Amino acid sequence: MNLNLDSLKTEIASHLKAQGFIVFHGFSRSLDGNPEIEWDTAHYPDYKQFIEVATQLGIKLMVLHYREFSSGIIDRAIDELSGSDLEYKEQKQLEQRLRELAMYEGFTCMIEMSFDFEDTVYLFELRTEWYSELNSLLEELDFHSDMDDEDRGEDPLGGYYSKN
């Protein structure tokens, strides 16, 4: 599914307001540490169904977060390629694909809606295919990195993922 999240984020915000929700523009809640349940966007990608559930539960406040892509993450990944245990040819292939993904600079790569109900966070998240691919490439690079967790500041993901 090829998503245009730039227009969808505006559509979602308008729909929430039209349905009487208070829209709180916050940070991602997926790393809050609270119990959470994720919406099955693979089988139910329509955000309106998620909003309808919130309506039926009497929810009034919806947290809306979106992430715009910055190619700085690609620059850092390319810098780390030479320190990986990947073969030279694999490094060049990974570097080429990373550079191709830099064209998405400034595009919306992820949208998240969430609400609280009975001490649980309910999440709806959409990601573009290219952003999911980027995350897979970064995980591969992290796996082949020479740095151990202590060198990364004990962050097993190497600092690639924002905690907000």
Foldseek 3Di string as FASTA:
>chain_A
DADQVVVVLVVVVVVLVVVQADEAADADCPLVPFAEDEDPCVVVVDVVVVVVVCVVVVHRYKYKYWDQDALVLLVVLLVQLVQFPDDPVVNVVLNVLSVVLNVSHGGTFKMKMWDDDPRYIYIYMDGGPSVVVVLVSLVVSLVRGPDDCVVLVNPSSSPSDDSD
